[in-house]
Amino acid sequence: MTEVVAGENESFESLLKRFNRRVQQTGILSEIRRREHYEKPSVRRKRKRAVKRRSVARAAKR
């Protein structure tokens, strides 16, 4: 659960901005999108292999 405490004389806009940044850092929204629909185990394995392949290619490129 992401929590943001309002400071003295802090505007709502800056509080909302801090909250959104914290949510992005913790990866909550990406996790929600990932769990939105059921993913078959074969599709999950295929996606993980593709991610691994990209990271290996990126490392070899450097």
Protein backbone atom coordinates (compact mmCIF):
# COMPACT_ATOMS: atom_id res chain seq x y z
CA MET A 1 0.00 0.00 0.00
CA THR A 2 1.53 3.27 -1.13
CA GLU A 3 1.22 6.12 1.32
CA VAL A 4 2.14 9.80 1.07
CA VAL A 5 1.98 12.16 4.03
CA ALA A 6 1.04 15.79 3.33
CA GLY A 7 3.51 18.39 4.53
CA GLU A 8 2.79 21.81 5.98
CA ASN A 9 1.13 24.11 3.39
CA GLU A 10 1.65 21.54 0.63
CA SER A 11 -0.68 21.88 -2.33
CA PHE A 12 -2.85 19.03 -3.49
CA GLU A 13 -1.17 19.06 -6.90
CA SER A 14 2.31 18.51 -5.47
CA LEU A 15 0.97 15.80 -3.16
CA LEU A 16 -0.68 14.03 -6.10
CA LYS A 17 2.51 14.34 -8.14
CA ARG A 18 4.54 12.74 -5.32
CA PHE A 19 1.98 9.96 -4.99
CA ASN A 20 2.03 9.19 -8.72
CA ARG A 21 5.84 9.09 -8.73
CA ARG A 22 5.86 6.69 -5.77
CA VAL A 23 3.30 4.42 -7.47
CA GLN A 24 5.45 4.35 -10.62
CA GLN A 25 8.58 3.48 -8.61
CA THR A 26 6.92 0.58 -6.81
CA GLY A 27 5.55 -0.84 -10.08
CA ILE A 28 1.96 -1.16 -8.88
CA LEU A 29 0.36 -0.11 -12.17
CA SER A 30 2.46 -2.45 -14.29
CA GLU A 31 1.57 -5.30 -11.92
CA ILE A 32 -2.14 -4.49 -12.25
CA ARG A 33 -1.89 -4.44 -16.04
CA ARG A 34 -0.03 -7.75 -16.00
CA ARG A 35 -2.71 -9.42 -13.86
CA GLU A 36 -5.65 -7.90 -15.72
CA HIS A 37 -6.16 -11.02 -17.85
CA TYR A 38 -5.22 -14.64 -17.36
CA GLU A 39 -1.99 -15.61 -19.06
CA LYS A 40 -1.42 -19.22 -19.99
CA PRO A 41 1.80 -20.76 -18.65
CA SER A 42 3.08 -21.35 -22.19
CA VAL A 43 2.57 -17.67 -23.04
CA ARG A 44 4.26 -16.66 -19.81
CA ARG A 45 7.31 -18.81 -20.63
CA LYS A 46 7.44 -17.42 -24.16
CA ARG A 47 7.31 -13.83 -22.85
CA LYS A 48 10.07 -14.52 -20.31
CA ARG A 49 12.28 -16.06 -23.00
CA ALA A 50 11.77 -12.99 -25.20
CA VAL A 51 12.74 -10.67 -22.33
CA LYS A 52 15.83 -12.77 -21.65
CA ARG A 53 16.76 -12.76 -25.36
CA ARG A 54 16.45 -8.96 -25.50
CA SER A 55 18.60 -8.45 -22.41
CA VAL A 56 21.30 -10.80 -23.73
CA ALA A 57 21.29 -9.01 -27.09
CA ARG A 58 21.50 -5.65 -25.35
CA ALA A 59 24.44 -6.84 -23.23
CA ALA A 60 26.25 -8.24 -26.30
CA LYS A 61 25.71 -4.95 -28.13
CA ARG A 62 27.67 -3.04 -25.49
